[in-house]
Amino acid sequence: MTELPACLATAGYASPRVLVDAKTLENPKLPAAAAPPAGIILQLDGQPHPVPAGTTLAELVATLGHEAQAVSTAVNGEFVARAARAARPLREGDAVLLFRPIVGG
């Protein structure tokens, strides 16, 4: 790391600044900065849970490591059938519940 001149160090600078001229910024050969992946926050079993924008309920179930047949699902208090999960995109703030169906008598 480059040592700062004493006058800069005492002025509160922590590291050297890199100055870039306008020509460098306009250079089409330089890679563009990657945009951060867009995401949303939903409530999963009552806890905040980030997922990529466009995630479907089926993708969430799979990402969490559940077999599709092993859990039942509800979004915002409404049951979502297994066959409908792939067509159900999740949105910011959705409340998702995963639960095991009770079988027996």
C-alpha atoms as a PDB file:
ATOM      1  CA  MET A   1       0.000   0.000   0.000  1.00  0.00           C
ATOM      2  CA  THR A   2       1.244   3.482  -0.825  1.00  0.00           C
ATOM      3  CA  GLU A   3       2.184   5.745   2.068  1.00  0.00           C
ATOM      4  CA  LEU A   4       0.238   8.983   2.249  1.00  0.00           C
ATOM      5  CA  PRO A   5       2.084  12.269   2.468  1.00  0.00           C
ATOM      6  CA  ALA A   6       1.914  13.608   6.030  1.00  0.00           C
ATOM      7  CA  CYS A   7      -0.211  16.590   4.967  1.00  0.00           C
ATOM      8  CA  LEU A   8      -2.914  14.242   3.630  1.00  0.00           C
ATOM      9  CA  ALA A   9      -2.715  11.798   6.511  1.00  0.00           C
ATOM     10  CA  THR A  10      -3.266  14.561   9.058  1.00  0.00           C
ATOM     11  CA  ALA A  11      -6.163  15.932   6.993  1.00  0.00           C
ATOM     12  CA  GLY A  12      -8.077  12.688   7.555  1.00  0.00           C
ATOM     13  CA  TYR A  13      -7.469  10.860   4.282  1.00  0.00           C
ATOM     14  CA  ALA A  14      -7.250   7.106   4.806  1.00  0.00           C
ATOM     15  CA  SER A  15      -5.982   6.100   1.384  1.00  0.00           C
ATOM     16  CA  PRO A  16      -4.943   7.665  -1.906  1.00  0.00           C
ATOM     17  CA  ARG A  17      -7.775   8.738  -4.179  1.00  0.00           C
ATOM     18  CA  VAL A  18      -7.840   7.551  -7.782  1.00  0.00           C
ATOM     19  CA  LEU A  19      -8.944  10.167 -10.258  1.00  0.00           C
ATOM     20  CA  VAL A  20     -10.460   9.070 -13.555  1.00  0.00           C
ATOM     21  CA  ASP A  21     -10.932  11.407 -16.466  1.00  0.00           C
ATOM     22  CA  ALA A  22     -14.131  11.580 -18.536  1.00  0.00           C
ATOM     23  CA  LYS A  23     -12.499   9.818 -21.527  1.00  0.00           C
ATOM     24  CA  THR A  24     -11.785   6.742 -19.418  1.00  0.00           C
ATOM     25  CA  LEU A  25     -15.382   6.635 -18.192  1.00  0.00           C
ATOM     26  CA  GLU A  26     -16.721   6.803 -21.742  1.00  0.00           C
ATOM     27  CA  ASN A  27     -14.476   4.028 -23.062  1.00  0.00           C
ATOM     28  CA  PRO A  28     -16.787   1.328 -24.511  1.00  0.00           C
ATOM     29  CA  LYS A  29     -14.034  -1.282 -24.147  1.00  0.00           C
ATOM     30  CA  LEU A  30     -14.189  -1.102 -20.371  1.00  0.00           C
ATOM     31  CA  PRO A  31     -16.659  -3.512 -18.758  1.00  0.00           C
ATOM     32  CA  ALA A  32     -19.759  -1.920 -17.313  1.00  0.00           C
ATOM     33  CA  ALA A  33     -20.281  -2.244 -13.603  1.00  0.00           C
ATOM     34  CA  ALA A  34     -22.527  -5.186 -12.864  1.00  0.00           C
ATOM     35  CA  ALA A  35     -25.847  -4.216 -11.361  1.00  0.00           C
ATOM     36  CA  PRO A  36     -26.657  -5.942  -8.109  1.00  0.00           C
ATOM     37  CA  PRO A  37     -29.163  -8.739  -8.592  1.00  0.00           C
ATOM     38  CA  ALA A  38     -32.701  -7.547  -8.035  1.00  0.00           C
ATOM     39  CA  GLY A  39     -34.414  -9.227  -5.146  1.00  0.00           C
ATOM     40  CA  ILE A  40     -37.431  -9.099  -2.922  1.00  0.00           C
ATOM     41  CA  ILE A  41     -38.088  -9.810   0.737  1.00  0.00           C
ATOM     42  CA  LEU A  42     -40.967 -12.069   1.640  1.00  0.00           C
ATOM     43  CA  GLN A  43     -42.120 -13.503   4.941  1.00  0.00           C
ATOM     44  CA  LEU A  44     -41.335 -17.214   5.140  1.00  0.00           C
ATOM     45  CA  ASP A  45     -43.014 -18.870   8.108  1.00  0.00           C
ATOM     46  CA  GLY A  46     -43.100 -15.458   9.791  1.00  0.00           C
ATOM     47  CA  GLN A  47     -39.445 -14.534   9.167  1.00  0.00           C
ATOM     48  CA  PRO A  48     -37.988 -12.162   6.530  1.00  0.00           C
ATOM     49  CA  HIS A  49     -36.488 -14.163   3.665  1.00  0.00           C
ATOM     50  CA  PRO A  50     -34.770 -12.663   0.588  1.00  0.00           C
ATOM     51  CA  VAL A  51     -35.288 -14.269  -2.828  1.00  0.00           C
ATOM     52  CA  PRO A  52     -34.453 -13.178  -6.386  1.00  0.00           C
ATOM     53  CA  ALA A  53     -37.198 -11.219  -8.114  1.00  0.00           C
ATOM     54  CA  GLY A  54     -39.326 -13.504 -10.275  1.00  0.00           C
ATOM     55  CA  THR A  55     -38.956 -16.543  -8.013  1.00  0.00           C
ATOM     56  CA  THR A  56     -41.973 -18.827  -8.148  1.00  0.00           C
ATOM     57  CA  LEU A  57     -43.422 -20.713  -5.215  1.00  0.00           C
ATOM     58  CA  ALA A  58     -42.241 -23.989  -6.794  1.00  0.00           C
ATOM     59  CA  GLU A  59     -38.674 -22.642  -7.045  1.00  0.00           C
ATOM     60  CA  LEU A  60     -38.748 -21.523  -3.414  1.00  0.00           C
ATOM     61  CA  VAL A  61     -39.896 -24.938  -2.227  1.00  0.00           C
ATOM     62  CA  ALA A  62     -37.120 -26.628  -4.248  1.00  0.00           C
ATOM     63  CA  THR A  63     -34.471 -24.121  -3.129  1.00  0.00           C
ATOM     64  CA  LEU A  64     -35.323 -24.838   0.486  1.00  0.00           C
ATOM     65  CA  GLY A  65     -34.671 -28.542  -0.169  1.00  0.00           C
ATOM     66  CA  HIS A  66     -38.246 -29.788   0.175  1.00  0.00           C
ATOM     67  CA  GLU A  67     -39.771 -32.417  -2.055  1.00  0.00           C
ATOM     68  CA  ALA A  68     -42.826 -30.927  -3.753  1.00  0.00           C
ATOM     69  CA  GLN A  69     -45.040 -33.712  -2.349  1.00  0.00           C
ATOM     70  CA  ALA A  70     -43.695 -33.336   1.199  1.00  0.00           C
ATOM     71  CA  VAL A  71     -45.115 -29.884   1.961  1.00  0.00           C
ATOM     72  CA  SER A  72     -48.307 -27.939   1.497  1.00  0.00           C
ATOM     73  CA  THR A  73     -48.117 -24.238   0.758  1.00  0.00           C
ATOM     74  CA  ALA A  74     -50.074 -21.049   1.327  1.00  0.00           C
ATOM     75  CA  VAL A  75     -49.383 -17.503   0.166  1.00  0.00           C
ATOM     76  CA  ASN A  76     -51.026 -14.587   1.963  1.00  0.00           C
ATOM     77  CA  GLY A  77     -53.349 -16.996   3.761  1.00  0.00           C
ATOM     78  CA  GLU A  78     -54.561 -18.774   0.614  1.00  0.00           C
ATOM     79  CA  PHE A  79     -53.745 -22.425  -0.080  1.00  0.00           C
ATOM     80  CA  VAL A  80     -51.704 -22.940  -3.275  1.00  0.00           C
ATOM     81  CA  ALA A  81     -52.054 -26.402  -4.796  1.00  0.00           C
ATOM     82  CA  ARG A  82     -48.904 -28.226  -5.823  1.00  0.00           C
ATOM     83  CA  ALA A  83     -49.851 -28.011  -9.512  1.00  0.00           C
ATOM     84  CA  ALA A  84     -50.241 -24.217  -9.277  1.00  0.00           C
ATOM     85  CA  ARG A  85     -46.898 -23.431  -7.582  1.00  0.00           C
ATOM     86  CA  ALA A  86     -44.877 -23.013 -10.789  1.00  0.00           C
ATOM     87  CA  ALA A  87     -47.348 -20.410 -12.036  1.00  0.00           C
ATOM     88  CA  ARG A  88     -47.344 -18.462  -8.741  1.00  0.00           C
ATOM     89  CA  PRO A  89     -44.621 -15.770  -8.779  1.00  0.00           C
ATOM     90  CA  LEU A  90     -43.708 -14.397  -5.372  1.00  0.00           C
ATOM     91  CA  ARG A  91     -43.928 -10.671  -4.732  1.00  0.00           C
ATOM     92  CA  GLU A  92     -42.416  -8.267  -2.236  1.00  0.00           C
ATOM     93  CA  GLY A  93     -44.028  -8.759   1.174  1.00  0.00           C
ATOM     94  CA  ASP A  94     -45.832 -12.029   0.369  1.00  0.00           C
ATOM     95  CA  ALA A  95     -46.409 -14.188   3.460  1.00  0.00           C
ATOM     96  CA  VAL A  96     -45.470 -17.761   2.562  1.00  0.00           C
ATOM     97  CA  LEU A  97     -46.250 -20.728   4.773  1.00  0.00           C
ATOM     98  CA  LEU A  98     -44.866 -24.225   4.272  1.00  0.00           C
ATOM     99  CA  PHE A  99     -46.437 -26.980   6.318  1.00  0.00           C
ATOM    100  CA  ARG A 100     -46.621 -30.747   6.394  1.00  0.00           C
ATOM    101  CA  PRO A 101     -50.030 -32.132   5.518  1.00  0.00           C
ATOM    102  CA  ILE A 102     -51.625 -34.166   8.279  1.00  0.00           C
ATOM    103  CA  VAL A 103     -52.670 -37.589   7.075  1.00  0.00           C
ATOM    104  CA  GLY A 104     -54.429 -40.257   9.045  1.00  0.00           C
ATOM    105  CA  GLY A 105     -57.491 -40.738  11.100  1.00  0.00           C
END
